[in-house]
Structure formats: C-alpha cells, structure tokens
C-alpha cells in the first residue's frame, strides 16, 4: 500500500465486505485479515449519489466505498477531487453562483 501511496484498500474477497488501512497495517505485525474492518453503511455511498452530495460527504470523511445493489464496486477518496472531471464540475458550480 505504501508503494502505491494508498491509505485504504478493500480486502480481496467476494463479495467485498472488509477493508484495511495503511495505518493499521503499519501499526501491527498481524496479517491483513487480522486488522481488516467490516465495511458498514456509514462508509458507503450509493452508486447513484449525485456528485455534489458526494463532495459534501467527503468533507467529513476521507473515503467512501461505492455501493451498487448491495455490493461494493469502488472506492472514492479526497485525492479523487484533484482529478480533471471533478475540477470541471467544481468550476461549473462556482460559475453558476456568480
């Protein structure tokens, strides 16, 4: 995780229902399964969540798992806010306020 600068990652299982943080792995000598935490409803966003709502939620939390039909299908983080698509969306919001 450190090599790719990931702070959080889902545990490879079907269905995905647990995750691990780099901080937890670095603080423990245990294996991934022992430090993995369950993915709860509070840490998920529905796939249909509007981008503006997702941006608001990311102000409170560093990451969310994306859920489609009760299955985790992705991960969105604050680092994703630097991507061009999100930047264009944010610019559009600012321009619409003027």
N, C-alpha and C. Protein backbone atom coordinates (compact mmCIF):
# COMPACT_ATOMS: atom_id res chain seq x y z
N UNK A 1 0.82 -1.18 0.00
CA UNK A 1 0.00 0.00 0.00
C UNK A 1 0.87 1.25 0.00
N UNK A 2 1.95 1.23 0.75
CA UNK A 2 2.83 2.39 0.80
C UNK A 2 3.48 2.66 -0.55
N UNK A 3 3.84 1.62 -1.26
CA UNK A 3 4.47 1.76 -2.58
C UNK A 3 3.59 2.56 -3.53
N UNK A 4 2.29 2.31 -3.50
CA UNK A 4 1.36 3.00 -4.40
C UNK A 4 0.67 4.19 -3.73
N UNK A 5 1.06 4.50 -2.49
CA UNK A 5 0.53 5.62 -1.72
C UNK A 5 -0.98 5.49 -1.48
N UNK A 6 -1.42 4.26 -1.21
CA UNK A 6 -2.82 4.01 -0.86
C UNK A 6 -2.95 4.09 0.65
N UNK A 7 -3.98 4.78 1.11
CA UNK A 7 -4.25 4.86 2.54
C UNK A 7 -5.27 3.84 2.99
N UNK A 8 -6.11 3.38 2.06
CA UNK A 8 -7.16 2.41 2.36
C UNK A 8 -7.34 1.51 1.14
N UNK A 9 -7.69 0.26 1.40
CA UNK A 9 -7.93 -0.68 0.31
C UNK A 9 -8.90 -1.76 0.76
N UNK A 10 -9.78 -2.19 -0.15
CA UNK A 10 -10.67 -3.29 0.19
C UNK A 10 -9.89 -4.60 0.25
N UNK A 11 -10.35 -5.51 1.07
CA UNK A 11 -9.74 -6.83 1.14
C UNK A 11 -10.34 -7.66 0.00
N UNK A 12 -9.50 -8.34 -0.71
CA UNK A 12 -9.92 -9.10 -1.88
C UNK A 12 -10.76 -10.30 -1.47
N UNK A 13 -12.07 -10.14 -1.54
CA UNK A 13 -13.00 -11.22 -1.23
C UNK A 13 -14.25 -11.01 -2.08
N UNK A 14 -15.04 -12.03 -2.19
CA UNK A 14 -16.30 -11.93 -2.95
C UNK A 14 -17.43 -12.33 -2.03
N UNK A 15 -18.35 -11.44 -1.73
CA UNK A 15 -18.33 -10.02 -2.07
C UNK A 15 -17.36 -9.25 -1.17
N UNK A 16 -16.98 -8.07 -1.63
CA UNK A 16 -16.09 -7.22 -0.83
C UNK A 16 -16.87 -6.73 0.38
N UNK A 17 -16.38 -7.07 1.57
CA UNK A 17 -17.10 -6.66 2.78
C UNK A 17 -16.17 -6.19 3.90
N UNK A 18 -14.87 -6.14 3.62
CA UNK A 18 -13.91 -5.70 4.62
C UNK A 18 -12.86 -4.82 3.94
N UNK A 19 -12.21 -3.99 4.75
CA UNK A 19 -11.15 -3.13 4.23
C UNK A 19 -10.04 -3.01 5.26
N UNK A 20 -8.92 -2.49 4.80
CA UNK A 20 -7.76 -2.30 5.68
C UNK A 20 -7.17 -0.93 5.38
N UNK A 21 -6.63 -0.30 6.43
CA UNK A 21 -5.95 0.97 6.24
C UNK A 21 -4.45 0.76 6.36
N UNK A 22 -3.70 1.62 5.68
CA UNK A 22 -2.24 1.51 5.74
C UNK A 22 -1.77 1.75 7.17
N UNK A 23 -2.41 2.69 7.84
CA UNK A 23 -2.06 3.00 9.23
C UNK A 23 -2.18 1.77 10.13
N UNK A 24 -3.28 1.02 9.97
CA UNK A 24 -3.49 -0.18 10.78
C UNK A 24 -2.44 -1.25 10.48
N UNK A 25 -2.08 -1.38 9.21
CA UNK A 25 -1.07 -2.38 8.84
C UNK A 25 0.30 -2.01 9.38
N UNK A 26 0.63 -0.72 9.30
CA UNK A 26 1.95 -0.29 9.78
C UNK A 26 2.06 -0.37 11.30
N UNK A 27 0.95 -0.23 11.99
CA UNK A 27 0.96 -0.25 13.46
C UNK A 27 0.93 -1.66 14.04
N UNK A 28 0.71 -2.65 13.20
CA UNK A 28 0.56 -4.01 13.68
C UNK A 28 1.48 -4.96 12.92
N UNK A 29 1.86 -6.02 13.58
CA UNK A 29 2.64 -7.05 12.89
C UNK A 29 1.73 -8.19 12.43
N UNK A 30 0.43 -8.02 12.64
CA UNK A 30 -0.55 -9.04 12.24
C UNK A 30 -0.74 -9.01 10.72
N UNK A 31 -1.42 -10.03 10.22
CA UNK A 31 -1.68 -10.07 8.78
C UNK A 31 -2.93 -9.25 8.44
N UNK A 32 -3.18 -9.09 7.16
CA UNK A 32 -4.27 -8.24 6.67
C UNK A 32 -5.61 -8.64 7.26
N UNK A 33 -5.92 -9.91 7.27
CA UNK A 33 -7.21 -10.39 7.76
C UNK A 33 -7.43 -10.00 9.22
N UNK A 34 -6.36 -10.01 10.02
CA UNK A 34 -6.49 -9.68 11.43
C UNK A 34 -6.77 -8.20 11.70
N UNK A 35 -6.32 -7.32 10.82
CA UNK A 35 -6.54 -5.88 11.04
C UNK A 35 -7.66 -5.32 10.16
N UNK A 36 -8.22 -6.14 9.30
CA UNK A 36 -9.31 -5.68 8.42
C UNK A 36 -10.55 -5.35 9.23
N UNK A 37 -11.28 -4.32 8.76
CA UNK A 37 -12.51 -3.89 9.41
C UNK A 37 -13.68 -4.13 8.46
N UNK A 38 -14.86 -4.36 9.00
CA UNK A 38 -16.02 -4.54 8.12
C UNK A 38 -16.44 -3.21 7.48
N UNK A 39 -16.92 -3.28 6.25
CA UNK A 39 -17.45 -2.10 5.58
C UNK A 39 -18.89 -1.94 6.04
N UNK A 40 -19.16 -0.83 6.73
CA UNK A 40 -20.51 -0.60 7.25
C UNK A 40 -21.25 0.42 6.37
N UNK A 41 -22.52 0.61 6.67
CA UNK A 41 -23.37 1.52 5.89
C UNK A 41 -22.85 2.96 5.94
N UNK A 42 -22.28 3.36 7.06
CA UNK A 42 -21.78 4.73 7.20
C UNK A 42 -20.61 5.03 6.29
N UNK A 43 -19.90 4.01 5.85
CA UNK A 43 -18.73 4.23 4.99
C UNK A 43 -19.02 3.95 3.52
N UNK A 44 -20.30 3.88 3.16
CA UNK A 44 -20.65 3.63 1.76
C UNK A 44 -21.50 4.75 1.19
N UNK A 45 -21.39 4.91 -0.11
CA UNK A 45 -22.23 5.80 -0.90
C UNK A 45 -22.89 4.96 -1.99
N UNK A 46 -24.12 5.25 -2.27
CA UNK A 46 -24.80 4.56 -3.37
C UNK A 46 -24.19 5.03 -4.69
N UNK A 47 -24.18 4.17 -5.66
CA UNK A 47 -23.63 4.49 -6.98
C UNK A 47 -24.37 5.68 -7.61
N UNK A 48 -25.61 5.87 -7.22
CA UNK A 48 -26.44 6.94 -7.78
C UNK A 48 -26.36 8.25 -7.01
N UNK A 49 -25.49 8.33 -6.00
CA UNK A 49 -25.34 9.55 -5.23
C UNK A 49 -24.83 10.67 -6.15
N UNK A 50 -25.52 11.81 -6.17
CA UNK A 50 -25.06 12.92 -7.01
C UNK A 50 -23.66 13.39 -6.60
N UNK A 51 -22.90 13.87 -7.56
CA UNK A 51 -21.53 14.28 -7.30
C UNK A 51 -21.47 15.39 -6.25
N UNK A 52 -22.38 16.32 -6.29
CA UNK A 52 -22.39 17.41 -5.31
C UNK A 52 -22.55 16.86 -3.89
N UNK A 53 -23.42 15.88 -3.72
CA UNK A 53 -23.62 15.26 -2.39
C UNK A 53 -22.38 14.50 -1.95
N UNK A 54 -21.75 13.80 -2.89
CA UNK A 54 -20.53 13.06 -2.56
C UNK A 54 -19.43 14.02 -2.13
N UNK A 55 -19.33 15.17 -2.79
CA UNK A 55 -18.32 16.16 -2.41
C UNK A 55 -18.57 16.67 -0.99
N UNK A 56 -19.81 16.91 -0.65
CA UNK A 56 -20.15 17.35 0.70
C UNK A 56 -19.76 16.30 1.73
N UNK A 57 -20.05 15.05 1.43
CA UNK A 57 -19.76 13.96 2.37
C UNK A 57 -18.25 13.79 2.56
N UNK A 58 -17.47 14.01 1.49
CA UNK A 58 -16.02 13.86 1.59
C UNK A 58 -15.39 14.94 2.46
N UNK A 59 -16.14 15.96 2.80
CA UNK A 59 -15.63 16.97 3.74
C UNK A 59 -15.55 16.38 5.14
N UNK A 60 -16.40 15.40 5.43
CA UNK A 60 -16.46 14.79 6.77
C UNK A 60 -15.62 13.54 6.91
N UNK A 61 -15.33 12.90 5.81
CA UNK A 61 -14.65 11.61 5.84
C UNK A 61 -13.68 11.52 4.67
N UNK A 62 -12.55 10.85 4.85
CA UNK A 62 -11.52 10.82 3.81
C UNK A 62 -11.84 9.88 2.64
N UNK A 63 -12.70 8.91 2.86
CA UNK A 63 -13.00 7.96 1.79
C UNK A 63 -14.38 7.35 2.00
N UNK A 64 -14.94 6.88 0.91
CA UNK A 64 -16.20 6.13 0.93
C UNK A 64 -16.10 4.99 -0.06
N UNK A 65 -16.75 3.90 0.27
CA UNK A 65 -16.87 2.79 -0.68
C UNK A 65 -18.14 3.01 -1.49
N UNK A 66 -18.06 2.76 -2.79
CA UNK A 66 -19.21 2.94 -3.67
C UNK A 66 -19.96 1.63 -3.75
N UNK A 67 -21.26 1.70 -3.57
CA UNK A 67 -22.09 0.50 -3.50
C UNK A 67 -23.09 0.48 -4.65
N UNK A 68 -23.20 -0.67 -5.28
CA UNK A 68 -24.19 -0.90 -6.34
C UNK A 68 -24.93 -2.19 -6.01
N UNK A 69 -26.23 -2.07 -5.77
CA UNK A 69 -27.05 -3.24 -5.44
C UNK A 69 -26.47 -4.08 -4.31
N UNK A 70 -26.13 -3.44 -3.23
CA UNK A 70 -25.63 -4.10 -2.01
C UNK A 70 -24.23 -4.69 -2.16
N UNK A 71 -23.52 -4.36 -3.24
CA UNK A 71 -22.15 -4.84 -3.44
C UNK A 71 -21.21 -3.64 -3.60
N UNK A 72 -20.06 -3.71 -2.97
CA UNK A 72 -19.06 -2.66 -3.11
C UNK A 72 -18.41 -2.82 -4.49
N UNK A 73 -18.44 -1.72 -5.25
CA UNK A 73 -17.89 -1.76 -6.61
C UNK A 73 -16.76 -0.77 -6.81
N UNK A 74 -16.51 0.08 -5.81
CA UNK A 74 -15.45 1.07 -5.98
C UNK A 74 -15.13 1.78 -4.69
N UNK A 75 -14.20 2.71 -4.81
CA UNK A 75 -13.73 3.48 -3.68
C UNK A 75 -13.50 4.91 -4.16
N UNK A 76 -14.00 5.88 -3.43
CA UNK A 76 -13.77 7.29 -3.77
C UNK A 76 -13.09 7.94 -2.57
N UNK A 77 -12.05 8.74 -2.84
CA UNK A 77 -11.27 9.37 -1.79
C UNK A 77 -11.15 10.86 -2.05
N UNK A 78 -10.66 11.58 -1.07
CA UNK A 78 -10.42 13.00 -1.26
C UNK A 78 -9.41 13.25 -2.36
N UNK A 79 -8.47 12.35 -2.54
CA UNK A 79 -7.49 12.51 -3.61
C UNK A 79 -8.15 12.52 -4.99
N UNK A 80 -9.30 11.90 -5.10
CA UNK A 80 -10.03 11.90 -6.37
C UNK A 80 -10.53 13.29 -6.74
N UNK A 81 -10.62 14.18 -5.76
CA UNK A 81 -11.10 15.53 -6.02
C UNK A 81 -10.15 16.31 -6.92
N UNK A 82 -8.91 15.88 -7.01
CA UNK A 82 -7.92 16.56 -7.85
C UNK A 82 -8.01 16.13 -9.31
N UNK A 83 -8.85 15.18 -9.62
CA UNK A 83 -8.98 14.69 -11.00
C UNK A 83 -9.71 15.72 -11.85
N UNK A 84 -9.38 15.80 -13.15
CA UNK A 84 -9.95 16.82 -14.03
C UNK A 84 -11.47 16.86 -14.08
N UNK A 85 -12.14 15.74 -14.09
CA UNK A 85 -13.61 15.74 -14.17
C UNK A 85 -14.22 16.45 -12.97
N UNK A 86 -13.72 16.16 -11.80
CA UNK A 86 -14.24 16.79 -10.59
C UNK A 86 -13.90 18.28 -10.58
N UNK A 87 -12.71 18.63 -11.05
CA UNK A 87 -12.32 20.04 -11.10
C UNK A 87 -13.25 20.82 -12.03
N UNK A 88 -13.59 20.25 -13.16
CA UNK A 88 -14.52 20.92 -14.08
C UNK A 88 -15.90 21.07 -13.46
N UNK A 89 -16.35 20.05 -12.76
CA UNK A 89 -17.65 20.12 -12.08
C UNK A 89 -17.64 21.23 -11.04
N UNK A 90 -16.58 21.30 -10.24
CA UNK A 90 -16.47 22.33 -9.21
C UNK A 90 -16.41 23.72 -9.84
N UNK A 91 -15.73 23.85 -10.95
CA UNK A 91 -15.68 25.13 -11.66
C UNK A 91 -17.08 25.53 -12.11
N UNK A 92 -17.83 24.57 -12.62
CA UNK A 92 -19.21 24.83 -13.04
C UNK A 92 -20.06 25.30 -11.88
N UNK A 93 -19.87 24.71 -10.69
CA UNK A 93 -20.62 25.16 -9.52
C UNK A 93 -20.28 26.60 -9.15
N UNK A 94 -19.00 26.92 -9.20
CA UNK A 94 -18.56 28.28 -8.86
C UNK A 94 -19.13 29.28 -9.87
N UNK A 95 -19.06 28.94 -11.14
CA UNK A 95 -19.57 29.84 -12.18
C UNK A 95 -21.07 30.03 -12.06
N UNK A 96 -21.79 28.98 -11.66
CA UNK A 96 -23.24 29.11 -11.54
C UNK A 96 -23.64 30.01 -10.36
N UNK A 97 -22.75 30.17 -9.39
CA UNK A 97 -23.02 31.03 -8.24
C UNK A 97 -22.85 32.52 -8.59
N UNK A 98 -22.10 32.78 -9.64
CA UNK A 98 -21.85 34.20 -9.99
C UNK A 98 -22.99 34.84 -10.66
